[in-house]
Amino acid sequence: MSRLQSAQPDPRATLRGGLPDRYLTPEDIANLFSVPLETVYAWRKKRTGPPGFRVGKHVRYDPAAVRAWTDEQATQAA
């Protein structure tokens, strides 16, 4: 594999609107907003954070829904 090929980004991780093109984990949300993981779980419990869904016992977030929630928060703050 050449240097050029290894420098190419993984197509599965292509950013769309600043977010990865994959479902996000609670850890991803905590890192994205620079908040503790416990805050993400509190948002979910209170239904105040980005909408998530369950895949079995795991919580995941759709990047498009996270972007919409972020835009809504920015609009409400303005």
Foldseek 3Di string as FASTA:
>chain_A
DDPVVVPDDDPQQDDDPNHGQDWAFLVRVCVVVVHDSVVSVVCQVVVNAFDWDDDDPGITHHPVSNVVSVVVVVVVVD
